[in-house]
Amino acid sequence: EHRAEVQIVGEYHGRQLKWVYPIRGIVNAPARRRAASISGKAKTSSRHTVELTLSSLGGVSRNERFDYDVVFPQDDDVLGKLVRSSLRVVPICLETNGDPGKLTFELAF
């Protein structure tokens, strides 16, 4: 569960107005037990196409666009610097064109 709030601030006849809307997000999709595993030979570059299936998207239209973030370990961590410098994530398809619930990325090491 995630929580946030949206605040709208305005003015009406010289009076300050403020609306606060709480937002609560609850995951509906079942948790995936299996993570994607990609491997390759040391000291060689590698490219892999990965399809992410977004389950439980009942209200998504055919041409809905999604956004994404890549979260790396902390920069001050040796592993974080290594991963950030060696992995590139390129979006191929971020829209649900004809196949609702699938996003495609290319991973380059």
PDB file of N, CA and C in Angstrom:
ATOM      1  N   GLU A   1       0.847  -1.174   0.000  1.00  0.00           N
ATOM      2  CA  GLU A   1       0.000   0.000   0.000  1.00  0.00           C
ATOM      3  C   GLU A   1       0.891   1.235   0.000  1.00  0.00           C
ATOM      4  N   HIS A   2       0.512   2.223  -0.816  1.00  0.00           N
ATOM      5  CA  HIS A   2       1.237   3.491  -0.882  1.00  0.00           C
ATOM      6  C   HIS A   2       0.255   4.624  -0.622  1.00  0.00           C
ATOM      7  N   ARG A   3       0.753   5.669   0.005  1.00  0.00           N
ATOM      8  CA  ARG A   3      -0.105   6.816   0.315  1.00  0.00           C
ATOM      9  C   ARG A   3       0.538   8.101  -0.203  1.00  0.00           C
ATOM     10  N   ALA A   4      -0.311   9.014  -0.643  1.00  0.00           N
ATOM     11  CA  ALA A   4       0.133  10.328  -1.097  1.00  0.00           C
ATOM     12  C   ALA A   4      -1.046  11.281  -0.917  1.00  0.00           C
ATOM     13  N   GLU A   5      -0.829  12.536  -1.247  1.00  0.00           N
ATOM     14  CA  GLU A   5      -1.937  13.468  -1.236  1.00  0.00           C
ATOM     15  C   GLU A   5      -1.718  14.524  -2.306  1.00  0.00           C
ATOM     16  N   VAL A   6      -2.827  14.991  -2.855  1.00  0.00           N
ATOM     17  CA  VAL A   6      -2.811  16.062  -3.845  1.00  0.00           C
ATOM     18  C   VAL A   6      -3.357  17.299  -3.164  1.00  0.00           C
ATOM     19  N   GLN A   7      -2.615  18.399  -3.280  1.00  0.00           N
ATOM     20  CA  GLN A   7      -3.051  19.660  -2.680  1.00  0.00           C
ATOM     21  C   GLN A   7      -3.301  20.670  -3.784  1.00  0.00           C
ATOM     22  N   ILE A   8      -4.452  21.303  -3.733  1.00  0.00           N
ATOM     23  CA  ILE A   8      -4.795  22.364  -4.679  1.00  0.00           C
ATOM     24  C   ILE A   8      -4.980  23.641  -3.870  1.00  0.00           C
ATOM     25  N   VAL A   9      -4.213  24.650  -4.226  1.00  0.00           N
ATOM     26  CA  VAL A   9      -4.236  25.911  -3.504  1.00  0.00           C
ATOM     27  C   VAL A   9      -4.721  26.995  -4.460  1.00  0.00           C
ATOM     28  N   GLY A  10      -5.611  27.840  -3.993  1.00  0.00           N
ATOM     29  CA  GLY A  10      -6.126  28.923  -4.818  1.00  0.00           C
ATOM     30  C   GLY A  10      -6.559  30.102  -3.977  1.00  0.00           C
ATOM     31  N   GLU A  11      -7.120  31.068  -4.659  1.00  0.00           N
ATOM     32  CA  GLU A  11      -7.581  32.269  -3.973  1.00  0.00           C
ATOM     33  C   GLU A  11      -8.936  32.646  -4.549  1.00  0.00           C
ATOM     34  N   TYR A  12      -9.861  33.045  -3.670  1.00  0.00           N
ATOM     35  CA  TYR A  12     -11.194  33.451  -4.095  1.00  0.00           C
ATOM     36  C   TYR A  12     -11.599  34.673  -3.289  1.00  0.00           C
ATOM     37  N   HIS A  13     -11.797  35.791  -3.965  1.00  0.00           N
ATOM     38  CA  HIS A  13     -12.169  37.065  -3.325  1.00  0.00           C
ATOM     39  C   HIS A  13     -11.198  37.404  -2.187  1.00  0.00           C
ATOM     40  N   GLY A  14      -9.900  37.235  -2.437  1.00  0.00           N
ATOM     41  CA  GLY A  14      -8.895  37.597  -1.451  1.00  0.00           C
ATOM     42  C   GLY A  14      -8.675  36.581  -0.346  1.00  0.00           C
ATOM     43  N   ARG A  15      -9.404  35.477  -0.375  1.00  0.00           N
ATOM     44  CA  ARG A  15      -9.244  34.446   0.664  1.00  0.00           C
ATOM     45  C   ARG A  15      -8.483  33.258   0.089  1.00  0.00           C
ATOM     46  N   GLN A  16      -7.552  32.765   0.864  1.00  0.00           N
ATOM     47  CA  GLN A  16      -6.784  31.589   0.463  1.00  0.00           C
ATOM     48  C   GLN A  16      -7.629  30.332   0.626  1.00  0.00           C
ATOM     49  N   LEU A  17      -7.627  29.483  -0.377  1.00  0.00           N
ATOM     50  CA  LEU A  17      -8.352  28.219  -0.330  1.00  0.00           C
ATOM     51  C   LEU A  17      -7.364  27.081  -0.540  1.00  0.00           C
ATOM     52  N   LYS A  18      -7.613  25.968   0.132  1.00  0.00           N
ATOM     53  CA  LYS A  18      -6.736  24.812  -0.009  1.00  0.00           C
ATOM     54  C   LYS A  18      -7.575  23.537   0.093  1.00  0.00           C
ATOM     55  N   TRP A  19      -7.469  22.688  -0.929  1.00  0.00           N
ATOM     56  CA  TRP A  19      -8.136  21.389  -0.924  1.00  0.00           C
ATOM     57  C   TRP A  19      -7.055  20.323  -0.823  1.00  0.00           C
ATOM     58  N   VAL A  20      -7.278  19.357   0.033  1.00  0.00           N
ATOM     59  CA  VAL A  20      -6.337  18.248   0.207  1.00  0.00           C
ATOM     60  C   VAL A  20      -7.091  16.954  -0.075  1.00  0.00           C
ATOM     61  N   TYR A  21      -6.579  16.203  -1.054  1.00  0.00           N
ATOM     62  CA  TYR A  21      -7.193  14.934  -1.435  1.00  0.00           C
ATOM     63  C   TYR A  21      -6.223  13.798  -1.115  1.00  0.00           C
ATOM     64  N   PRO A  22      -6.556  12.966  -0.161  1.00  0.00           N
ATOM     65  CA  PRO A  22      -5.680  11.820   0.126  1.00  0.00           C
ATOM     66  C   PRO A  22      -5.813  10.760  -0.967  1.00  0.00           C
ATOM     67  N   ILE A  23      -4.697  10.127  -1.303  1.00  0.00           N
ATOM     68  CA  ILE A  23      -4.669   9.061  -2.303  1.00  0.00           C
ATOM     69  C   ILE A  23      -4.072   7.829  -1.653  1.00  0.00           C
ATOM     70  N   ARG A  24      -4.741   6.720  -1.821  1.00  0.00           N
ATOM     71  CA  ARG A  24      -4.230   5.463  -1.296  1.00  0.00           C
ATOM     72  C   ARG A  24      -4.178   4.472  -2.449  1.00  0.00           C
ATOM     73  N   GLY A  25      -3.000   3.924  -2.705  1.00  0.00           N
ATOM     74  CA  GLY A  25      -2.838   2.951  -3.781  1.00  0.00           C
ATOM     75  C   GLY A  25      -2.628   1.563  -3.214  1.00  0.00           C
ATOM     76  N   ILE A  26      -3.428   0.628  -3.709  1.00  0.00           N
ATOM     77  CA  ILE A  26      -3.318  -0.753  -3.259  1.00  0.00           C
ATOM     78  C   ILE A  26      -3.074  -1.622  -4.479  1.00  0.00           C
ATOM     79  N   VAL A  27      -2.116  -2.477  -4.401  1.00  0.00           N
ATOM     80  CA  VAL A  27      -1.786  -3.357  -5.511  1.00  0.00           C
ATOM     81  C   VAL A  27      -2.867  -4.428  -5.654  1.00  0.00           C
ATOM     82  N   ASN A  28      -3.400  -4.550  -6.862  1.00  0.00           N
ATOM     83  CA  ASN A  28      -4.411  -5.565  -7.132  1.00  0.00           C
ATOM     84  C   ASN A  28      -3.823  -6.813  -7.761  1.00  0.00           C
ATOM     85  N   ALA A  29      -2.718  -6.649  -8.433  1.00  0.00           N
ATOM     86  CA  ALA A  29      -2.134  -7.771  -9.170  1.00  0.00           C
ATOM     87  C   ALA A  29      -1.461  -8.742  -8.205  1.00  0.00           C
ATOM     88  N   PRO A  30      -1.541 -10.016  -8.508  1.00  0.00           N
ATOM     89  CA  PRO A  30      -0.834 -10.988  -7.671  1.00  0.00           C
ATOM     90  C   PRO A  30       0.677 -10.824  -7.815  1.00  0.00           C
ATOM     91  N   ALA A  31       1.382 -11.082  -6.760  1.00  0.00           N
ATOM     92  CA  ALA A  31       2.846 -10.958  -6.789  1.00  0.00           C
ATOM     93  C   ALA A  31       3.441 -12.038  -7.676  1.00  0.00           C
ATOM     94  N   ARG A  32       4.451 -11.648  -8.438  1.00  0.00           N
ATOM     95  CA  ARG A  32       5.154 -12.638  -9.260  1.00  0.00           C
ATOM     96  C   ARG A  32       6.215 -13.293  -8.418  1.00  0.00           C
ATOM     97  N   ARG A  33       6.270 -14.564  -8.480  1.00  0.00           N
ATOM     98  CA  ARG A  33       7.248 -15.311  -7.694  1.00  0.00           C
ATOM     99  C   ARG A  33       8.572 -15.470  -8.434  1.00  0.00           C
ATOM    100  N   ARG A  34       8.555 -15.313  -9.751  1.00  0.00           N
ATOM    101  CA  ARG A  34       9.748 -15.545 -10.543  1.00  0.00           C
ATOM    102  C   ARG A  34      10.231 -14.239 -11.166  1.00  0.00           C
ATOM    103  N   ALA A  35      11.452 -13.884 -10.934  1.00  0.00           N
ATOM    104  CA  ALA A  35      12.040 -12.689 -11.536  1.00  0.00           C
ATOM    105  C   ALA A  35      12.729 -13.080 -12.839  1.00  0.00           C
ATOM    106  N   ALA A  36      12.856 -12.114 -13.732  1.00  0.00           N
ATOM    107  CA  ALA A  36      13.571 -12.371 -14.979  1.00  0.00           C
ATOM    108  C   ALA A  36      15.046 -12.551 -14.667  1.00  0.00           C
ATOM    109  N   SER A  37      15.660 -13.519 -15.310  1.00  0.00           N
ATOM    110  CA  SER A  37      17.083 -13.786 -15.111  1.00  0.00           C
ATOM    111  C   SER A  37      17.791 -13.687 -16.455  1.00  0.00           C
ATOM    112  N   ILE A  38      18.810 -12.851 -16.507  1.00  0.00           N
ATOM    113  CA  ILE A  38      19.577 -12.660 -17.740  1.00  0.00           C
ATOM    114  C   ILE A  38      21.039 -12.870 -17.405  1.00  0.00           C
ATOM    115  N   SER A  39      21.709 -13.670 -18.212  1.00  0.00           N
ATOM    116  CA  SER A  39      23.120 -13.927 -17.954  1.00  0.00           C
ATOM    117  C   SER A  39      23.907 -13.815 -19.255  1.00  0.00           C
ATOM    118  N   GLY A  40      25.208 -13.650 -19.118  1.00  0.00           N
ATOM    119  CA  GLY A  40      26.086 -13.551 -20.283  1.00  0.00           C
ATOM    120  C   GLY A  40      27.519 -13.827 -19.885  1.00  0.00           C
ATOM    121  N   LYS A  41      28.379 -13.917 -20.887  1.00  0.00           N
ATOM    122  CA  LYS A  41      29.795 -14.176 -20.640  1.00  0.00           C
ATOM    123  C   LYS A  41      30.483 -12.906 -20.146  1.00  0.00           C
ATOM    124  N   ALA A  42      31.491 -13.089 -19.316  1.00  0.00           N
ATOM    125  CA  ALA A  42      32.252 -11.961 -18.785  1.00  0.00           C
ATOM    126  C   ALA A  42      32.992 -11.247 -19.923  1.00  0.00           C
ATOM    127  N   LYS A  43      33.128  -9.950 -19.793  1.00  0.00           N
ATOM    128  CA  LYS A  43      33.870  -9.088 -20.710  1.00  0.00           C
ATOM    129  C   LYS A  43      33.315  -9.093 -22.130  1.00  0.00           C
ATOM    130  N   THR A  44      32.029  -9.383 -22.276  1.00  0.00           N
ATOM    131  CA  THR A  44      31.372  -9.290 -23.574  1.00  0.00           C
ATOM    132  C   THR A  44      30.099  -8.478 -23.394  1.00  0.00           C
ATOM    133  N   SER A  45      29.688  -7.802 -24.458  1.00  0.00           N
ATOM    134  CA  SER A  45      28.431  -7.064 -24.385  1.00  0.00           C
ATOM    135  C   SER A  45      27.293  -8.000 -24.760  1.00  0.00           C
ATOM    136  N   SER A  46      26.117  -7.647 -24.305  1.00  0.00           N
ATOM    137  CA  SER A  46      24.965  -8.512 -24.521  1.00  0.00           C
ATOM    138  C   SER A  46      23.712  -7.659 -24.589  1.00  0.00           C
ATOM    139  N   ARG A  47      22.776  -8.050 -25.464  1.00  0.00           N
ATOM    140  CA  ARG A  47      21.486  -7.364 -25.575  1.00  0.00           C
ATOM    141  C   ARG A  47      20.383  -8.392 -25.449  1.00  0.00           C
ATOM    142  N   HIS A  48      19.363  -8.045 -24.692  1.00  0.00           N
ATOM    143  CA  HIS A  48      18.226  -8.933 -24.495  1.00  0.00           C
ATOM    144  C   HIS A  48      16.946  -8.121 -24.576  1.00  0.00           C
ATOM    145  N   THR A  49      15.936  -8.673 -25.229  1.00  0.00           N
ATOM    146  CA  THR A  49      14.619  -8.057 -25.264  1.00  0.00           C
ATOM    147  C   THR A  49      13.782  -8.692 -24.160  1.00  0.00           C
ATOM    148  N   VAL A  50      13.163  -7.843 -23.349  1.00  0.00           N
ATOM    149  CA  VAL A  50      12.379  -8.315 -22.219  1.00  0.00           C
ATOM    150  C   VAL A  50      10.959  -7.785 -22.354  1.00  0.00           C
ATOM    151  N   GLU A  51       9.983  -8.677 -22.248  1.00  0.00           N
ATOM    152  CA  GLU A  51       8.576  -8.280 -22.229  1.00  0.00           C
ATOM    153  C   GLU A  51       8.068  -8.357 -20.794  1.00  0.00           C
ATOM    154  N   LEU A  52       7.485  -7.273 -20.335  1.00  0.00           N
ATOM    155  CA  LEU A  52       6.887  -7.239 -18.998  1.00  0.00           C
ATOM    156  C   LEU A  52       5.376  -7.300 -19.150  1.00  0.00           C
ATOM    157  N   THR A  53       4.778  -8.306 -18.562  1.00  0.00           N
ATOM    158  CA  THR A  53       3.325  -8.449 -18.613  1.00  0.00           C
ATOM    159  C   THR A  53       2.732  -7.788 -17.380  1.00  0.00           C
ATOM    160  N   LEU A  54       1.861  -6.831 -17.610  1.00  0.00           N
ATOM    161  CA  LEU A  54       1.189  -6.125 -16.524  1.00  0.00           C
ATOM    162  C   LEU A  54      -0.158  -6.784 -16.319  1.00  0.00           C
ATOM    163  N   SER A  55      -0.304  -7.518 -15.246  1.00  0.00           N
ATOM    164  CA  SER A  55      -1.550  -8.243 -15.011  1.00  0.00           C
ATOM    165  C   SER A  55      -2.549  -7.375 -14.254  1.00  0.00           C
ATOM    166  N   SER A  56      -3.796  -7.770 -14.298  1.00  0.00           N
ATOM    167  CA  SER A  56      -4.906  -7.109 -13.586  1.00  0.00           C
ATOM    168  C   SER A  56      -5.097  -5.658 -14.003  1.00  0.00           C
ATOM    169  N   LEU A  57      -5.060  -5.395 -15.309  1.00  0.00           N
ATOM    170  CA  LEU A  57      -5.275  -4.037 -15.815  1.00  0.00           C
ATOM    171  C   LEU A  57      -6.645  -3.946 -16.495  1.00  0.00           C
ATOM    172  N   GLY A  58      -7.690  -4.179 -15.751  1.00  0.00           N
ATOM    173  CA  GLY A  58      -9.027  -4.224 -16.314  1.00  0.00           C
ATOM    174  C   GLY A  58      -9.468  -2.953 -17.021  1.00  0.00           C
ATOM    175  N   GLY A  59      -9.111  -1.786 -16.526  1.00  0.00           N
ATOM    176  CA  GLY A  59      -9.595  -0.537 -17.104  1.00  0.00           C
ATOM    177  C   GLY A  59      -8.653   0.129 -18.083  1.00  0.00           C
ATOM    178  N   VAL A  60      -7.683  -0.584 -18.614  1.00  0.00           N
ATOM    179  CA  VAL A  60      -6.694   0.016 -19.514  1.00  0.00           C
ATOM    180  C   VAL A  60      -7.202  -0.055 -20.946  1.00  0.00           C
ATOM    181  N   SER A  61      -7.100   1.068 -21.650  1.00  0.00           N
ATOM    182  CA  SER A  61      -7.536   1.097 -23.046  1.00  0.00           C
ATOM    183  C   SER A  61      -6.449   0.505 -23.948  1.00  0.00           C
ATOM    184  N   ARG A  62      -6.783   0.300 -25.207  1.00  0.00           N
ATOM    185  CA  ARG A  62      -5.840  -0.326 -26.150  1.00  0.00           C
ATOM    186  C   ARG A  62      -4.605   0.533 -26.400  1.00  0.00           C
ATOM    187  N   ASN A  63      -4.705   1.831 -26.341  1.00  0.00           N
ATOM    188  CA  ASN A  63      -3.578   2.701 -26.680  1.00  0.00           C
ATOM    189  C   ASN A  63      -3.109   3.521 -25.486  1.00  0.00           C
ATOM    190  N   GLU A  64      -3.068   2.921 -24.333  1.00  0.00           N
ATOM    191  CA  GLU A  64      -2.617   3.633 -23.141  1.00  0.00           C
ATOM    192  C   GLU A  64      -1.096   3.600 -23.068  1.00  0.00           C
ATOM    193  N   ARG A  65      -0.501   4.748 -22.740  1.00  0.00           N
ATOM    194  CA  ARG A  65       0.962   4.863 -22.660  1.00  0.00           C
ATOM    195  C   ARG A  65       1.393   4.790 -21.206  1.00  0.00           C
ATOM    196  N   PHE A  66       2.487   4.078 -20.969  1.00  0.00           N
ATOM    197  CA  PHE A  66       3.035   3.927 -19.624  1.00  0.00           C
ATOM    198  C   PHE A  66       4.388   4.616 -19.547  1.00  0.00           C
ATOM    199  N   ASP A  67       4.804   4.918 -18.345  1.00  0.00           N
ATOM    200  CA  ASP A  67       6.108   5.499 -18.083  1.00  0.00           C
ATOM    201  C   ASP A  67       6.869   4.536 -17.185  1.00  0.00           C
ATOM    202  N   TYR A  68       8.153   4.717 -17.048  1.00  0.00           N
ATOM    203  CA  TYR A  68       8.927   3.800 -16.218  1.00  0.00           C
ATOM    204  C   TYR A  68      10.104   4.535 -15.582  1.00  0.00           C
ATOM    205  N   ASP A  69      10.613   3.966 -14.516  1.00  0.00           N
ATOM    206  CA  ASP A  69      11.823   4.441 -13.849  1.00  0.00           C
ATOM    207  C   ASP A  69      12.723   3.242 -13.622  1.00  0.00           C
ATOM    208  N   VAL A  70      14.009   3.450 -13.777  1.00  0.00           N
ATOM    209  CA  VAL A  70      14.980   2.413 -13.437  1.00  0.00           C
ATOM    210  C   VAL A  70      15.608   2.834 -12.118  1.00  0.00           C
ATOM    211  N   VAL A  71      15.509   1.982 -11.130  1.00  0.00           N
ATOM    212  CA  VAL A  71      16.024   2.298  -9.803  1.00  0.00           C
ATOM    213  C   VAL A  71      17.279   1.468  -9.571  1.00  0.00           C
ATOM    214  N   PHE A  72      18.385   2.157  -9.383  1.00  0.00           N
ATOM    215  CA  PHE A  72      19.670   1.515  -9.147  1.00  0.00           C
ATOM    216  C   PHE A  72      20.003   1.565  -7.658  1.00  0.00           C
ATOM    217  N   PRO A  73      20.926   0.714  -7.214  1.00  0.00           N
ATOM    218  CA  PRO A  73      21.428   0.873  -5.842  1.00  0.00           C
ATOM    219  C   PRO A  73      22.057   2.258  -5.686  1.00  0.00           C
ATOM    220  N   GLN A  74      22.286   2.666  -4.472  1.00  0.00           N
ATOM    221  CA  GLN A  74      22.827   3.999  -4.199  1.00  0.00           C
ATOM    222  C   GLN A  74      24.138   4.235  -4.944  1.00  0.00           C
ATOM    223  N   ASP A  75      24.335   5.488  -5.428  1.00  0.00           N
ATOM    224  CA  ASP A  75      25.545   5.836  -6.171  1.00  0.00           C
ATOM    225  C   ASP A  75      26.822   5.701  -5.351  1.00  0.00           C
ATOM    226  N   ASP A  76      26.735   5.927  -4.038  1.00  0.00           N
ATOM    227  CA  ASP A  76      27.942   5.849  -3.223  1.00  0.00           C
ATOM    228  C   ASP A  76      28.351   4.398  -2.968  1.00  0.00           C
ATOM    229  N   ASP A  77      27.489   3.482  -3.324  1.00  0.00           N
ATOM    230  CA  ASP A  77      27.767   2.062  -3.190  1.00  0.00           C
ATOM    231  C   ASP A  77      28.542   1.597  -4.430  1.00  0.00           C
ATOM    232  N   VAL A  78      29.542   0.753  -4.252  1.00  0.00           N
ATOM    233  CA  VAL A  78      30.347   0.243  -5.357  1.00  0.00           C
ATOM    234  C   VAL A  78      29.465  -0.495  -6.364  1.00  0.00           C
ATOM    235  N   LEU A  79      28.543  -1.322  -5.858  1.00  0.00           N
ATOM    236  CA  LEU A  79      27.639  -2.061  -6.734  1.00  0.00           C
ATOM    237  C   LEU A  79      26.759  -1.104  -7.533  1.00  0.00           C
ATOM    238  N   GLY A  80      26.275  -0.053  -6.907  1.00  0.00           N
ATOM    239  CA  GLY A  80      25.443   0.927  -7.595  1.00  0.00           C
ATOM    240  C   GLY A  80      26.171   1.586  -8.747  1.00  0.00           C
ATOM    241  N   LYS A  81      27.409   1.963  -8.551  1.00  0.00           N
ATOM    242  CA  LYS A  81      28.211   2.571  -9.619  1.00  0.00           C
ATOM    243  C   LYS A  81      28.455   1.590 -10.755  1.00  0.00           C
ATOM    244  N   LEU A  82      28.724   0.345 -10.398  1.00  0.00           N
ATOM    245  CA  LEU A  82      28.981  -0.675 -11.404  1.00  0.00           C
ATOM    246  C   LEU A  82      27.738  -0.939 -12.259  1.00  0.00           C
ATOM    247  N   VAL A  83      26.598  -1.100 -11.615  1.00  0.00           N
ATOM    248  CA  VAL A  83      25.356  -1.380 -12.347  1.00  0.00           C
ATOM    249  C   VAL A  83      24.977  -0.186 -13.217  1.00  0.00           C
ATOM    250  N   ARG A  84      25.043   1.018 -12.674  1.00  0.00           N
ATOM    251  CA  ARG A  84      24.671   2.222 -13.423  1.00  0.00           C
ATOM    252  C   ARG A  84      25.554   2.406 -14.660  1.00  0.00           C
ATOM    253  N   SER A  85      26.830   2.069 -14.561  1.00  0.00           N
ATOM    254  CA  SER A  85      27.729   2.269 -15.695  1.00  0.00           C
ATOM    255  C   SER A  85      27.670   1.136 -16.720  1.00  0.00           C
ATOM    256  N   SER A  86      27.130  -0.013 -16.351  1.00  0.00           N
ATOM    257  CA  SER A  86      27.172  -1.144 -17.274  1.00  0.00           C
ATOM    258  C   SER A  86      25.815  -1.562 -17.842  1.00  0.00           C
ATOM    259  N   LEU A  87      24.717  -1.041 -17.337  1.00  0.00           N
ATOM    260  CA  LEU A  87      23.400  -1.449 -17.803  1.00  0.00           C
ATOM    261  C   LEU A  87      22.688  -0.286 -18.474  1.00  0.00           C
ATOM    262  N   ARG A  88      22.102  -0.570 -19.635  1.00  0.00           N
ATOM    263  CA  ARG A  88      21.311   0.439 -20.347  1.00  0.00           C
ATOM    264  C   ARG A  88      19.936  -0.172 -20.633  1.00  0.00           C
ATOM    265  N   VAL A  89      18.873   0.540 -20.259  1.00  0.00           N
ATOM    266  CA  VAL A  89      17.506   0.089 -20.486  1.00  0.00           C
ATOM    267  C   VAL A  89      16.885   1.002 -21.537  1.00  0.00           C
ATOM    268  N   VAL A  90      16.474   0.401 -22.667  1.00  0.00           N
ATOM    269  CA  VAL A  90      15.901   1.164 -23.775  1.00  0.00           C
ATOM    270  C   VAL A  90      14.456   0.711 -23.979  1.00  0.00           C
ATOM    271  N   PRO A  91      13.495   1.630 -23.863  1.00  0.00           N
ATOM    272  CA  PRO A  91      12.105   1.228 -24.096  1.00  0.00           C
ATOM    273  C   PRO A  91      11.866   0.976 -25.581  1.00  0.00           C
ATOM    274  N   ILE A  92      11.233  -0.141 -25.895  1.00  0.00           N
ATOM    275  CA  ILE A  92      10.854  -0.446 -27.276  1.00  0.00           C
ATOM    276  C   ILE A  92       9.381  -0.135 -27.477  1.00  0.00           C
ATOM    277  N   CYS A  93       8.558  -0.569 -26.540  1.00  0.00           N
ATOM    278  CA  CYS A  93       7.117  -0.303 -26.627  1.00  0.00           C
ATOM    279  C   CYS A  93       6.580  -0.020 -25.229  1.00  0.00           C
ATOM    280  N   LEU A  94       6.089   1.214 -25.032  1.00  0.00           N
ATOM    281  CA  LEU A  94       5.499   1.602 -23.754  1.00  0.00           C
ATOM    282  C   LEU A  94       3.998   1.824 -23.874  1.00  0.00           C
ATOM    283  N   GLU A  95       3.425   1.402 -24.993  1.00  0.00           N
ATOM    284  CA  GLU A  95       1.982   1.536 -25.196  1.00  0.00           C
ATOM    285  C   GLU A  95       1.350   0.163 -25.310  1.00  0.00           C
ATOM    286  N   THR A  96       0.105   0.090 -24.922  1.00  0.00           N
ATOM    287  CA  THR A  96      -0.621  -1.177 -24.998  1.00  0.00           C
ATOM    288  C   THR A  96      -1.331  -1.280 -26.343  1.00  0.00           C
ATOM    289  N   ASN A  97      -0.561  -1.252 -27.431  1.00  0.00           N
ATOM    290  CA  ASN A  97      -1.114  -1.322 -28.785  1.00  0.00           C
ATOM    291  C   ASN A  97      -1.515  -2.743 -29.134  1.00  0.00           C
ATOM    292  N   GLY A  98      -2.786  -3.027 -29.108  1.00  0.00           N
ATOM    293  CA  GLY A  98      -3.283  -4.321 -29.539  1.00  0.00           C
ATOM    294  C   GLY A  98      -2.991  -5.464 -28.589  1.00  0.00           C
ATOM    295  N   ASP A  99      -2.094  -5.283 -27.649  1.00  0.00           N
ATOM    296  CA  ASP A  99      -1.767  -6.344 -26.693  1.00  0.00           C
ATOM    297  C   ASP A  99      -1.762  -5.725 -25.302  1.00  0.00           C
ATOM    298  N   PRO A 100      -2.939  -5.486 -24.736  1.00  0.00           N
ATOM    299  CA  PRO A 100      -3.002  -4.812 -23.439  1.00  0.00           C
ATOM    300  C   PRO A 100      -2.185  -5.531 -22.374  1.00  0.00           C
ATOM    301  N   GLY A 101      -1.394  -4.776 -21.688  1.00  0.00           N
ATOM    302  CA  GLY A 101      -0.674  -5.332 -20.566  1.00  0.00           C
ATOM    303  C   GLY A 101       0.735  -5.791 -20.840  1.00  0.00           C
ATOM    304  N   LYS A 102       1.307  -5.523 -22.028  1.00  0.00           N
ATOM    305  CA  LYS A 102       2.695  -5.917 -22.293  1.00  0.00           C
ATOM    306  C   LYS A 102       3.527  -4.703 -22.666  1.00  0.00           C
ATOM    307  N   LEU A 103       4.637  -4.529 -21.969  1.00  0.00           N
ATOM    308  CA  LEU A 103       5.608  -3.483 -22.275  1.00  0.00           C
ATOM    309  C   LEU A 103       6.903  -4.175 -22.665  1.00  0.00           C
ATOM    310  N   THR A 104       7.637  -3.597 -23.628  1.00  0.00           N
ATOM    311  CA  THR A 104       8.847  -4.243 -24.132  1.00  0.00           C
ATOM    312  C   THR A 104      10.042  -3.318 -23.963  1.00  0.00           C
ATOM    313  N   PHE A 105      11.143  -3.875 -23.478  1.00  0.00           N
ATOM    314  CA  PHE A 105      12.387  -3.126 -23.266  1.00  0.00           C
ATOM    315  C   PHE A 105      13.549  -3.917 -23.840  1.00  0.00           C
ATOM    316  N   GLU A 106      14.613  -3.176 -24.219  1.00  0.00           N
ATOM    317  CA  GLU A 106      15.866  -3.835 -24.572  1.00  0.00           C
ATOM    318  C   GLU A 106      16.861  -3.526 -23.460  1.00  0.00           C
ATOM    319  N   LEU A 107      17.482  -4.572 -22.946  1.00  0.00           N
ATOM    320  CA  LEU A 107      18.510  -4.417 -21.925  1.00  0.00           C
ATOM    321  C   LEU A 107      19.861  -4.641 -22.583  1.00  0.00           C
ATOM    322  N   ALA A 108      20.785  -3.709 -22.383  1.00  0.00           N
ATOM    323  CA  ALA A 108      22.121  -3.820 -22.955  1.00  0.00           C
ATOM    324  C   ALA A 108      23.126  -3.757 -21.817  1.00  0.00           C
ATOM    325  N   PHE A 109      24.025  -4.749 -21.813  1.00  0.00           N
ATOM    326  CA  PHE A 109      25.075  -4.803 -20.784  1.00  0.00           C
ATOM    327  C   PHE A 109      26.410  -4.532 -21.430  1.00  0.00           C
TER     328      PHE A 109
END
